[in-house]
Amino acid sequence: MKLFRAIKKANEERDIETLMSLYHDDFEFVRHQSGTTLKKSEYRVLISGMFAETSYKEIMHRCIYENDDILVEHSVMRFQDGSRESLISVKMLENGQVIRTETGASLMK
């Protein structure tokens, strides 16, 4: 769970530089909830914005499975508007970095 721990620590510390170093230059982020796809530079802007919001909080973040090819995570997040989402994230790995992430999120009440 080496990569998972590194991602979790960077998220907890809101360390965008360390977090982005864990992502491949050709990284692609696919959000199934909205049907959108982001490149690494766009993803960086998204995550930087979340990190800048003091009300954003990762309530829970756990590793379901990790090997050299894939990382599967489950997390619960609280956003600026007070809403909470349960998120499943599947990260495809290449040479120890995340090359592609696909997510599915459900609003929690």
PDB file of N, CA and C in Angstrom:
ATOM      1  N   MET A   1       0.817  -1.188   0.000  1.00  0.00           N
ATOM      2  CA  MET A   1       0.000   0.000   0.000  1.00  0.00           C
ATOM      3  C   MET A   1       0.867   1.261   0.000  1.00  0.00           C
ATOM      4  N   LYS A   2       2.012   1.165  -0.630  1.00  0.00           N
ATOM      5  CA  LYS A   2       2.958   2.274  -0.642  1.00  0.00           C
ATOM      6  C   LYS A   2       2.381   3.518  -1.330  1.00  0.00           C
ATOM      7  N   LEU A   3       1.811   3.374  -2.517  1.00  0.00           N
ATOM      8  CA  LEU A   3       1.264   4.519  -3.237  1.00  0.00           C
ATOM      9  C   LEU A   3       0.036   5.070  -2.512  1.00  0.00           C
ATOM     10  N   PHE A   4      -0.819   4.201  -2.022  1.00  0.00           N
ATOM     11  CA  PHE A   4      -1.994   4.650  -1.280  1.00  0.00           C
ATOM     12  C   PHE A   4      -1.569   5.520  -0.097  1.00  0.00           C
ATOM     13  N   ARG A   5      -0.606   5.066   0.661  1.00  0.00           N
ATOM     14  CA  ARG A   5      -0.143   5.832   1.837  1.00  0.00           C
ATOM     15  C   ARG A   5       0.402   7.202   1.428  1.00  0.00           C
ATOM     16  N   ALA A   6       1.129   7.247   0.331  1.00  0.00           N
ATOM     17  CA  ALA A   6       1.686   8.516  -0.151  1.00  0.00           C
ATOM     18  C   ALA A   6       0.575   9.476  -0.583  1.00  0.00           C
ATOM     19  N   ILE A   7      -0.427   8.953  -1.272  1.00  0.00           N
ATOM     20  CA  ILE A   7      -1.565   9.781  -1.699  1.00  0.00           C
ATOM     21  C   ILE A   7      -2.344  10.266  -0.487  1.00  0.00           C
ATOM     22  N   LYS A   8      -2.604   9.373   0.446  1.00  0.00           N
ATOM     23  CA  LYS A   8      -3.354   9.731   1.656  1.00  0.00           C
ATOM     24  C   LYS A   8      -2.631  10.824   2.446  1.00  0.00           C
ATOM     25  N   LYS A   9      -1.321  10.681   2.609  1.00  0.00           N
ATOM     26  CA  LYS A   9      -0.545  11.663   3.358  1.00  0.00           C
ATOM     27  C   LYS A   9      -0.566  13.021   2.657  1.00  0.00           C
ATOM     28  N   ALA A  10      -0.378  13.036   1.342  1.00  0.00           N
ATOM     29  CA  ALA A  10      -0.402  14.297   0.593  1.00  0.00           C
ATOM     30  C   ALA A  10      -1.776  14.958   0.695  1.00  0.00           C
ATOM     31  N   ASN A  11      -2.848  14.160   0.644  1.00  0.00           N
ATOM     32  CA  ASN A  11      -4.198  14.701   0.801  1.00  0.00           C
ATOM     33  C   ASN A  11      -4.383  15.286   2.196  1.00  0.00           C
ATOM     34  N   GLU A  12      -3.971  14.554   3.210  1.00  0.00           N
ATOM     35  CA  GLU A  12      -4.127  15.030   4.592  1.00  0.00           C
ATOM     36  C   GLU A  12      -3.361  16.331   4.833  1.00  0.00           C
ATOM     37  N   GLU A  13      -2.199  16.445   4.212  1.00  0.00           N
ATOM     38  CA  GLU A  13      -1.369  17.639   4.385  1.00  0.00           C
ATOM     39  C   GLU A  13      -1.690  18.732   3.367  1.00  0.00           C
ATOM     40  N   ARG A  14      -2.619  18.425   2.459  1.00  0.00           N
ATOM     41  CA  ARG A  14      -2.999  19.353   1.378  1.00  0.00           C
ATOM     42  C   ARG A  14      -1.757  19.821   0.621  1.00  0.00           C
ATOM     43  N   ASP A  15      -0.901  18.857   0.327  1.00  0.00           N
ATOM     44  CA  ASP A  15       0.382  19.110  -0.337  1.00  0.00           C
ATOM     45  C   ASP A  15       0.228  18.815  -1.826  1.00  0.00           C
ATOM     46  N   ILE A  16      -0.140  19.829  -2.590  1.00  0.00           N
ATOM     47  CA  ILE A  16      -0.418  19.641  -4.011  1.00  0.00           C
ATOM     48  C   ILE A  16       0.825  19.219  -4.795  1.00  0.00           C
ATOM     49  N   GLU A  17       2.002  19.722  -4.426  1.00  0.00           N
ATOM     50  CA  GLU A  17       3.224  19.372  -5.164  1.00  0.00           C
ATOM     51  C   GLU A  17       3.536  17.881  -5.011  1.00  0.00           C
ATOM     52  N   THR A  18       3.496  17.395  -3.781  1.00  0.00           N
ATOM     53  CA  THR A  18       3.757  15.968  -3.555  1.00  0.00           C
ATOM     54  C   THR A  18       2.683  15.122  -4.228  1.00  0.00           C
ATOM     55  N   LEU A  19       1.432  15.517  -4.095  1.00  0.00           N
ATOM     56  CA  LEU A  19       0.350  14.744  -4.702  1.00  0.00           C
ATOM     57  C   LEU A  19       0.527  14.652  -6.214  1.00  0.00           C
ATOM     58  N   MET A  20       0.801  15.758  -6.860  1.00  0.00           N
ATOM     59  CA  MET A  20       0.926  15.750  -8.323  1.00  0.00           C
ATOM     60  C   MET A  20       2.155  14.969  -8.780  1.00  0.00           C
ATOM     61  N   SER A  21       3.171  14.855  -7.929  1.00  0.00           N
ATOM     62  CA  SER A  21       4.354  14.067  -8.297  1.00  0.00           C
ATOM     63  C   SER A  21       4.024  12.571  -8.375  1.00  0.00           C
ATOM     64  N   LEU A  22       2.911  12.168  -7.803  1.00  0.00           N
ATOM     65  CA  LEU A  22       2.491  10.767  -7.816  1.00  0.00           C
ATOM     66  C   LEU A  22       1.671  10.429  -9.064  1.00  0.00           C
ATOM     67  N   TYR A  23       1.389  11.446  -9.866  1.00  0.00           N
ATOM     68  CA  TYR A  23       0.587  11.281 -11.075  1.00  0.00           C
ATOM     69  C   TYR A  23       1.458  11.423 -12.316  1.00  0.00           C
ATOM     70  N   HIS A  24       1.266  10.523 -13.261  1.00  0.00           N
ATOM     71  CA  HIS A  24       1.992  10.486 -14.526  1.00  0.00           C
ATOM     72  C   HIS A  24       1.695  11.748 -15.336  1.00  0.00           C
ATOM     73  N   ASP A  25       2.634  12.179 -16.161  1.00  0.00           N
ATOM     74  CA  ASP A  25       2.419  13.357 -17.010  1.00  0.00           C
ATOM     75  C   ASP A  25       1.227  13.188 -17.951  1.00  0.00           C
ATOM     76  N   ASP A  26       0.945  11.947 -18.355  1.00  0.00           N
ATOM     77  CA  ASP A  26      -0.176  11.669 -19.249  1.00  0.00           C
ATOM     78  C   ASP A  26      -1.452  11.290 -18.500  1.00  0.00           C
ATOM     79  N   PHE A  27      -1.521  11.649 -17.231  1.00  0.00           N
ATOM     80  CA  PHE A  27      -2.662  11.316 -16.380  1.00  0.00           C
ATOM     81  C   PHE A  27      -3.985  11.810 -16.962  1.00  0.00           C
ATOM     82  N   GLU A  28      -5.018  10.963 -16.749  1.00  0.00           N
ATOM     83  CA  GLU A  28      -6.377  11.293 -17.165  1.00  0.00           C
ATOM     84  C   GLU A  28      -7.331  10.959 -16.019  1.00  0.00           C
ATOM     85  N   PHE A  29      -8.233  11.885 -15.716  1.00  0.00           N
ATOM     86  CA  PHE A  29      -9.211  11.732 -14.641  1.00  0.00           C
ATOM     87  C   PHE A  29     -10.602  11.670 -15.251  1.00  0.00           C
ATOM     88  N   VAL A  30     -11.307  10.560 -15.002  1.00  0.00           N
ATOM     89  CA  VAL A  30     -12.640  10.348 -15.559  1.00  0.00           C
ATOM     90  C   VAL A  30     -13.650  10.355 -14.424  1.00  0.00           C
ATOM     91  N   ARG A  31     -14.608  11.282 -14.504  1.00  0.00           N
ATOM     92  CA  ARG A  31     -15.669  11.380 -13.501  1.00  0.00           C
ATOM     93  C   ARG A  31     -16.948  10.809 -14.110  1.00  0.00           C
ATOM     94  N   HIS A  32     -17.332   9.636 -13.644  1.00  0.00           N
ATOM     95  CA  HIS A  32     -18.528   9.003 -14.200  1.00  0.00           C
ATOM     96  C   HIS A  32     -19.801   9.736 -13.793  1.00  0.00           C
ATOM     97  N   GLN A  33     -19.775  10.418 -12.669  1.00  0.00           N
ATOM     98  CA  GLN A  33     -20.946  11.149 -12.190  1.00  0.00           C
ATOM     99  C   GLN A  33     -21.345  12.253 -13.178  1.00  0.00           C
ATOM    100  N   SER A  34     -20.346  12.951 -13.739  1.00  0.00           N
ATOM    101  CA  SER A  34     -20.631  14.050 -14.662  1.00  0.00           C
ATOM    102  C   SER A  34     -20.288  13.725 -16.109  1.00  0.00           C
ATOM    103  N   GLY A  35     -19.562  12.637 -16.325  1.00  0.00           N
ATOM    104  CA  GLY A  35     -19.171  12.265 -17.681  1.00  0.00           C
ATOM    105  C   GLY A  35     -18.023  13.103 -18.226  1.00  0.00           C
ATOM    106  N   THR A  36     -17.291  13.789 -17.352  1.00  0.00           N
ATOM    107  CA  THR A  36     -16.188  14.638 -17.802  1.00  0.00           C
ATOM    108  C   THR A  36     -14.844  13.949 -17.626  1.00  0.00           C
ATOM    109  N   THR A  37     -13.873  14.409 -18.405  1.00  0.00           N
ATOM    110  CA  THR A  37     -12.502  13.903 -18.335  1.00  0.00           C
ATOM    111  C   THR A  37     -11.569  15.098 -18.210  1.00  0.00           C
ATOM    112  N   LEU A  38     -10.602  14.990 -17.320  1.00  0.00           N
ATOM    113  CA  LEU A  38      -9.626  16.053 -17.113  1.00  0.00           C
ATOM    114  C   LEU A  38      -8.215  15.530 -17.341  1.00  0.00           C
ATOM    115  N   LYS A  39      -7.346  16.388 -17.864  1.00  0.00           N
ATOM    116  CA  LYS A  39      -5.914  16.102 -17.964  1.00  0.00           C
ATOM    117  C   LYS A  39      -5.260  16.476 -16.635  1.00  0.00           C
ATOM    118  N   LYS A  40      -3.984  16.145 -16.480  1.00  0.00           N
ATOM    119  CA  LYS A  40      -3.287  16.386 -15.219  1.00  0.00           C
ATOM    120  C   LYS A  40      -3.340  17.851 -14.807  1.00  0.00           C
ATOM    121  N   SER A  41      -3.096  18.764 -15.729  1.00  0.00           N
ATOM    122  CA  SER A  41      -3.095  20.190 -15.383  1.00  0.00           C
ATOM    123  C   SER A  41      -4.473  20.652 -14.914  1.00  0.00           C
ATOM    124  N   GLU A  42      -5.521  20.138 -15.516  1.00  0.00           N
ATOM    125  CA  GLU A  42      -6.892  20.488 -15.108  1.00  0.00           C
ATOM    126  C   GLU A  42      -7.237  19.869 -13.761  1.00  0.00           C
ATOM    127  N   TYR A  43      -6.773  18.654 -13.553  1.00  0.00           N
ATOM    128  CA  TYR A  43      -6.997  17.971 -12.284  1.00  0.00           C
ATOM    129  C   TYR A  43      -6.294  18.722 -11.147  1.00  0.00           C
ATOM    130  N   ARG A  44      -5.101  19.207 -11.429  1.00  0.00           N
ATOM    131  CA  ARG A  44      -4.352  19.985 -10.435  1.00  0.00           C
ATOM    132  C   ARG A  44      -5.154  21.212  -9.991  1.00  0.00           C
ATOM    133  N   VAL A  45      -5.766  21.910 -10.934  1.00  0.00           N
ATOM    134  CA  VAL A  45      -6.583  23.084 -10.614  1.00  0.00           C
ATOM    135  C   VAL A  45      -7.764  22.680  -9.732  1.00  0.00           C
ATOM    136  N   LEU A  46      -8.424  21.578 -10.076  1.00  0.00           N
ATOM    137  CA  LEU A  46      -9.560  21.078  -9.300  1.00  0.00           C
ATOM    138  C   LEU A  46      -9.145  20.768  -7.859  1.00  0.00           C
ATOM    139  N   ILE A  47      -8.087  20.001  -7.696  1.00  0.00           N
ATOM    140  CA  ILE A  47      -7.636  19.592  -6.365  1.00  0.00           C
ATOM    141  C   ILE A  47      -7.090  20.791  -5.579  1.00  0.00           C
ATOM    142  N   SER A  48      -6.373  21.685  -6.235  1.00  0.00           N
ATOM    143  CA  SER A  48      -5.871  22.887  -5.560  1.00  0.00           C
ATOM    144  C   SER A  48      -7.024  23.697  -4.983  1.00  0.00           C
ATOM    145  N   GLY A  49      -8.110  23.815  -5.733  1.00  0.00           N
ATOM    146  CA  GLY A  49      -9.292  24.524  -5.253  1.00  0.00           C
ATOM    147  C   GLY A  49      -9.911  23.857  -4.041  1.00  0.00           C
ATOM    148  N   MET A  50      -9.963  22.535  -4.070  1.00  0.00           N
ATOM    149  CA  MET A  50     -10.507  21.800  -2.927  1.00  0.00           C
ATOM    150  C   MET A  50      -9.614  21.985  -1.705  1.00  0.00           C
ATOM    151  N   PHE A  51      -8.308  21.894  -1.890  1.00  0.00           N
ATOM    152  CA  PHE A  51      -7.369  22.063  -0.781  1.00  0.00           C
ATOM    153  C   PHE A  51      -7.450  23.467  -0.186  1.00  0.00           C
ATOM    154  N   ALA A  52      -7.754  24.452  -1.011  1.00  0.00           N
ATOM    155  CA  ALA A  52      -7.818  25.839  -0.542  1.00  0.00           C
ATOM    156  C   ALA A  52      -9.060  26.113   0.309  1.00  0.00           C
ATOM    157  N   GLU A  53     -10.088  25.301   0.159  1.00  0.00           N
ATOM    158  CA  GLU A  53     -11.327  25.478   0.918  1.00  0.00           C
ATOM    159  C   GLU A  53     -11.169  24.868   2.310  1.00  0.00           C
ATOM    160  N   THR A  54     -11.272  25.686   3.334  1.00  0.00           N
ATOM    161  CA  THR A  54     -11.099  25.184   4.701  1.00  0.00           C
ATOM    162  C   THR A  54     -12.218  24.236   5.116  1.00  0.00           C
ATOM    163  N   SER A  55     -13.383  24.360   4.486  1.00  0.00           N
ATOM    164  CA  SER A  55     -14.506  23.489   4.856  1.00  0.00           C
ATOM    165  C   SER A  55     -14.453  22.127   4.171  1.00  0.00           C
ATOM    166  N   TYR A  56     -13.566  21.963   3.158  1.00  0.00           N
ATOM    167  CA  TYR A  56     -13.406  20.659   2.513  1.00  0.00           C
ATOM    168  C   TYR A  56     -12.693  19.722   3.474  1.00  0.00           C
ATOM    169  N   LYS A  57     -13.246  18.516   3.627  1.00  0.00           N
ATOM    170  CA  LYS A  57     -12.615  17.554   4.523  1.00  0.00           C
ATOM    171  C   LYS A  57     -12.827  16.137   3.998  1.00  0.00           C
ATOM    172  N   GLU A  58     -11.763  15.373   4.017  1.00  0.00           N
ATOM    173  CA  GLU A  58     -11.857  13.952   3.716  1.00  0.00           C
ATOM    174  C   GLU A  58     -12.166  13.266   5.045  1.00  0.00           C
ATOM    175  N   ILE A  59     -13.392  12.840   5.211  1.00  0.00           N
ATOM    176  CA  ILE A  59     -13.840  12.257   6.479  1.00  0.00           C
ATOM    177  C   ILE A  59     -13.255  10.859   6.671  1.00  0.00           C
ATOM    178  N   MET A  60     -13.157  10.115   5.581  1.00  0.00           N
ATOM    179  CA  MET A  60     -12.642   8.744   5.635  1.00  0.00           C
ATOM    180  C   MET A  60     -11.973   8.447   4.298  1.00  0.00           C
ATOM    181  N   HIS A  61     -10.861   7.731   4.335  1.00  0.00           N
ATOM    182  CA  HIS A  61     -10.144   7.353   3.110  1.00  0.00           C
ATOM    183  C   HIS A  61      -9.462   6.015   3.380  1.00  0.00           C
ATOM    184  N   ARG A  62      -9.864   4.988   2.628  1.00  0.00           N
ATOM    185  CA  ARG A  62      -9.280   3.670   2.866  1.00  0.00           C
ATOM    186  C   ARG A  62      -8.940   2.980   1.557  1.00  0.00           C
ATOM    187  N   CYS A  63      -7.975   2.109   1.642  1.00  0.00           N
ATOM    188  CA  CYS A  63      -7.550   1.310   0.498  1.00  0.00           C
ATOM    189  C   CYS A  63      -8.342   0.008   0.475  1.00  0.00           C
ATOM    190  N   ILE A  64      -8.970  -0.269  -0.645  1.00  0.00           N
ATOM    191  CA  ILE A  64      -9.669  -1.539  -0.838  1.00  0.00           C
ATOM    192  C   ILE A  64      -8.672  -2.584  -1.366  1.00  0.00           C
ATOM    193  N   TYR A  65      -7.838  -2.149  -2.334  1.00  0.00           N
ATOM    194  CA  TYR A  65      -6.893  -3.073  -2.951  1.00  0.00           C
ATOM    195  C   TYR A  65      -5.802  -2.269  -3.651  1.00  0.00           C
ATOM    196  N   GLU A  66      -4.565  -2.757  -3.577  1.00  0.00           N
ATOM    197  CA  GLU A  66      -3.463  -2.131  -4.312  1.00  0.00           C
ATOM    198  C   GLU A  66      -2.457  -3.190  -4.727  1.00  0.00           C
ATOM    199  N   ASN A  67      -2.010  -3.093  -5.982  1.00  0.00           N
ATOM    200  CA  ASN A  67      -0.857  -3.856  -6.452  1.00  0.00           C
ATOM    201  C   ASN A  67      -0.095  -2.956  -7.425  1.00  0.00           C
ATOM    202  N   ASP A  68       0.797  -3.493  -8.221  1.00  0.00           N
ATOM    203  CA  ASP A  68       1.599  -2.667  -9.129  1.00  0.00           C
ATOM    204  C   ASP A  68       0.807  -2.087 -10.294  1.00  0.00           C
ATOM    205  N   ASP A  69      -0.405  -2.597 -10.523  1.00  0.00           N
ATOM    206  CA  ASP A  69      -1.190  -2.183 -11.678  1.00  0.00           C
ATOM    207  C   ASP A  69      -2.422  -1.350 -11.340  1.00  0.00           C
ATOM    208  N   ILE A  70      -2.935  -1.475 -10.114  1.00  0.00           N
ATOM    209  CA  ILE A  70      -4.214  -0.850  -9.787  1.00  0.00           C
ATOM    210  C   ILE A  70      -4.283  -0.494  -8.303  1.00  0.00           C
ATOM    211  N   LEU A  71      -5.008   0.568  -8.015  1.00  0.00           N
ATOM    212  CA  LEU A  71      -5.295   0.989  -6.644  1.00  0.00           C
ATOM    213  C   LEU A  71      -6.783   1.310  -6.584  1.00  0.00           C
ATOM    214  N   VAL A  72      -7.494   0.664  -5.672  1.00  0.00           N
ATOM    215  CA  VAL A  72      -8.933   0.899  -5.496  1.00  0.00           C
ATOM    216  C   VAL A  72      -9.130   1.494  -4.114  1.00  0.00           C
ATOM    217  N   GLU A  73      -9.826   2.634  -4.062  1.00  0.00           N
ATOM    218  CA  GLU A  73     -10.021   3.361  -2.808  1.00  0.00           C
ATOM    219  C   GLU A  73     -11.500   3.650  -2.572  1.00  0.00           C
ATOM    220  N   HIS A  74     -11.845   3.832  -1.319  1.00  0.00           N
ATOM    221  CA  HIS A  74     -13.169   4.324  -0.933  1.00  0.00           C
ATOM    222  C   HIS A  74     -12.955   5.486   0.013  1.00  0.00           C
ATOM    223  N   SER A  75     -13.668   6.569  -0.211  1.00  0.00           N
ATOM    224  CA  SER A  75     -13.556   7.718   0.682  1.00  0.00           C
ATOM    225  C   SER A  75     -14.905   8.395   0.846  1.00  0.00           C
ATOM    226  N   VAL A  76     -15.004   9.157   1.909  1.00  0.00           N
ATOM    227  CA  VAL A  76     -16.161  10.011   2.161  1.00  0.00           C
ATOM    228  C   VAL A  76     -15.619  11.408   2.336  1.00  0.00           C
ATOM    229  N   MET A  77     -16.216  12.356   1.599  1.00  0.00           N
ATOM    230  CA  MET A  77     -15.737  13.730   1.632  1.00  0.00           C
ATOM    231  C   MET A  77     -16.867  14.693   1.944  1.00  0.00           C
ATOM    232  N   ARG A  78     -16.506  15.766   2.626  1.00  0.00           N
ATOM    233  CA  ARG A  78     -17.454  16.847   2.886  1.00  0.00           C
ATOM    234  C   ARG A  78     -16.957  18.066   2.121  1.00  0.00           C
ATOM    235  N   PHE A  79     -17.870  18.720   1.402  1.00  0.00           N
ATOM    236  CA  PHE A  79     -17.505  19.834   0.545  1.00  0.00           C
ATOM    237  C   PHE A  79     -17.932  21.173   1.125  1.00  0.00           C
ATOM    238  N   GLN A  80     -17.553  22.243   0.415  1.00  0.00           N
ATOM    239  CA  GLN A  80     -17.786  23.607   0.849  1.00  0.00           C
ATOM    240  C   GLN A  80     -19.258  23.880   1.174  1.00  0.00           C
ATOM    241  N   ASP A  81     -20.168  23.298   0.417  1.00  0.00           N
ATOM    242  CA  ASP A  81     -21.597  23.568   0.618  1.00  0.00           C
ATOM    243  C   ASP A  81     -22.212  22.695   1.716  1.00  0.00           C
ATOM    244  N   GLY A  82     -21.380  21.905   2.398  1.00  0.00           N
ATOM    245  CA  GLY A  82     -21.864  21.044   3.470  1.00  0.00           C
ATOM    246  C   GLY A  82     -22.293  19.661   3.009  1.00  0.00           C
ATOM    247  N   SER A  83     -22.350  19.445   1.704  1.00  0.00           N
ATOM    248  CA  SER A  83     -22.742  18.129   1.190  1.00  0.00           C
ATOM    249  C   SER A  83     -21.630  17.113   1.425  1.00  0.00           C
ATOM    250  N   ARG A  84     -22.032  15.839   1.460  1.00  0.00           N
ATOM    251  CA  ARG A  84     -21.077  14.738   1.620  1.00  0.00           C
ATOM    252  C   ARG A  84     -21.271  13.762   0.473  1.00  0.00           C
ATOM    253  N   GLU A  85     -20.158  13.194   0.026  1.00  0.00           N
ATOM    254  CA  GLU A  85     -20.198  12.181  -1.026  1.00  0.00           C
ATOM    255  C   GLU A  85     -19.381  10.967  -0.614  1.00  0.00           C
ATOM    256  N   SER A  86     -19.892   9.814  -0.998  1.00  0.00           N
ATOM    257  CA  SER A  86     -19.144   8.569  -0.895  1.00  0.00           C
ATOM    258  C   SER A  86     -18.556   8.332  -2.277  1.00  0.00           C
ATOM    259  N   LEU A  87     -17.257   8.091  -2.323  1.00  0.00           N
ATOM    260  CA  LEU A  87     -16.551   8.028  -3.598  1.00  0.00           C
ATOM    261  C   LEU A  87     -15.759   6.731  -3.710  1.00  0.00           C
ATOM    262  N   ILE A  88     -15.930   6.048  -4.818  1.00  0.00           N
ATOM    263  CA  ILE A  88     -15.080   4.917  -5.173  1.00  0.00           C
ATOM    264  C   ILE A  88     -14.151   5.401  -6.268  1.00  0.00           C
ATOM    265  N   SER A  89     -12.871   5.142  -6.101  1.00  0.00           N
ATOM    266  CA  SER A  89     -11.863   5.590  -7.048  1.00  0.00           C
ATOM    267  C   SER A  89     -11.022   4.393  -7.484  1.00  0.00           C
ATOM    268  N   VAL A  90     -10.881   4.235  -8.787  1.00  0.00           N
ATOM    269  CA  VAL A  90     -10.029   3.185  -9.339  1.00  0.00           C
ATOM    270  C   VAL A  90      -8.888   3.883 -10.069  1.00  0.00           C
ATOM    271  N   LYS A  91      -7.673   3.630  -9.607  1.00  0.00           N
ATOM    272  CA  LYS A  91      -6.502   4.252 -10.192  1.00  0.00           C
ATOM    273  C   LYS A  91      -5.679   3.192 -10.920  1.00  0.00           C
ATOM    274  N   MET A  92      -5.454   3.395 -12.214  1.00  0.00           N
ATOM    275  CA  MET A  92      -4.593   2.523 -12.987  1.00  0.00           C
ATOM    276  C   MET A  92      -3.169   3.072 -12.865  1.00  0.00           C
ATOM    277  N   LEU A  93      -2.220   2.182 -12.645  1.00  0.00           N
ATOM    278  CA  LEU A  93      -0.847   2.593 -12.361  1.00  0.00           C
ATOM    279  C   LEU A  93       0.094   2.218 -13.494  1.00  0.00           C
ATOM    280  N   GLU A  94       1.113   3.055 -13.656  1.00  0.00           N
ATOM    281  CA  GLU A  94       2.166   2.790 -14.634  1.00  0.00           C
ATOM    282  C   GLU A  94       3.483   3.289 -14.048  1.00  0.00           C
ATOM    283  N   ASN A  95       4.435   2.397 -13.910  1.00  0.00           N
ATOM    284  CA  ASN A  95       5.753   2.753 -13.365  1.00  0.00           C
ATOM    285  C   ASN A  95       5.655   3.471 -12.024  1.00  0.00           C
ATOM    286  N   GLY A  96       4.751   3.011 -11.152  1.00  0.00           N
ATOM    287  CA  GLY A  96       4.630   3.550  -9.813  1.00  0.00           C
ATOM    288  C   GLY A  96       3.874   4.862  -9.703  1.00  0.00           C
ATOM    289  N   GLN A  97       3.290   5.319 -10.818  1.00  0.00           N
ATOM    290  CA  GLN A  97       2.506   6.550 -10.805  1.00  0.00           C
ATOM    291  C   GLN A  97       1.089   6.263 -11.296  1.00  0.00           C
ATOM    292  N   VAL A  98       0.179   7.154 -10.933  1.00  0.00           N
ATOM    293  CA  VAL A  98      -1.206   7.032 -11.386  1.00  0.00           C
ATOM    294  C   VAL A  98      -1.290   7.580 -12.807  1.00  0.00           C
ATOM    295  N   ILE A  99      -1.738   6.744 -13.745  1.00  0.00           N
ATOM    296  CA  ILE A  99      -1.879   7.152 -15.144  1.00  0.00           C
ATOM    297  C   ILE A  99      -3.331   7.496 -15.484  1.00  0.00           C
ATOM    298  N   ARG A 100      -4.276   6.879 -14.754  1.00  0.00           N
ATOM    299  CA  ARG A 100      -5.700   7.117 -15.025  1.00  0.00           C
ATOM    300  C   ARG A 100      -6.496   6.854 -13.750  1.00  0.00           C
ATOM    301  N   THR A 101      -7.440   7.737 -13.477  1.00  0.00           N
ATOM    302  CA  THR A 101      -8.344   7.555 -12.351  1.00  0.00           C
ATOM    303  C   THR A 101      -9.770   7.633 -12.866  1.00  0.00           C
ATOM    304  N   GLU A 102     -10.597   6.684 -12.432  1.00  0.00           N
ATOM    305  CA  GLU A 102     -12.019   6.720 -12.715  1.00  0.00           C
ATOM    306  C   GLU A 102     -12.747   6.709 -11.379  1.00  0.00           C
ATOM    307  N   THR A 103     -13.757   7.551 -11.263  1.00  0.00           N
ATOM    308  CA  THR A 103     -14.480   7.655 -10.009  1.00  0.00           C
ATOM    309  C   THR A 103     -15.981   7.526 -10.217  1.00  0.00           C
ATOM    310  N   GLY A 104     -16.613   7.069  -9.173  1.00  0.00           N
ATOM    311  CA  GLY A 104     -18.064   7.063  -9.080  1.00  0.00           C
ATOM    312  C   GLY A 104     -18.431   7.587  -7.707  1.00  0.00           C
ATOM    313  N   ALA A 105     -19.347   8.550  -7.662  1.00  0.00           N
ATOM    314  CA  ALA A 105     -19.694   9.174  -6.383  1.00  0.00           C
ATOM    315  C   ALA A 105     -21.202   9.132  -6.166  1.00  0.00           C
ATOM    316  N   SER A 106     -21.572   9.019  -4.902  1.00  0.00           N
ATOM    317  CA  SER A 106     -22.980   9.066  -4.506  1.00  0.00           C
ATOM    318  C   SER A 106     -23.135  10.098  -3.413  1.00  0.00           C
ATOM    319  N   LEU A 107     -24.134  10.945  -3.566  1.00  0.00           N
ATOM    320  CA  LEU A 107     -24.446  11.938  -2.545  1.00  0.00           C
ATOM    321  C   LEU A 107     -24.971  11.234  -1.312  1.00  0.00           C
ATOM    322  N   MET A 108     -24.494  11.648  -0.155  1.00  0.00           N
ATOM    323  CA  MET A 108     -24.935  11.054   1.115  1.00  0.00           C
ATOM    324  C   MET A 108     -25.861  12.039   1.822  1.00  0.00           C
ATOM    325  N   LYS A 109     -26.830  11.500   2.526  1.00  0.00           N
ATOM    326  CA  LYS A 109     -27.758  12.366   3.264  1.00  0.00           C
ATOM    327  C   LYS A 109     -27.449  12.324   4.730  1.00  0.00           C
TER     328      LYS A 109
END
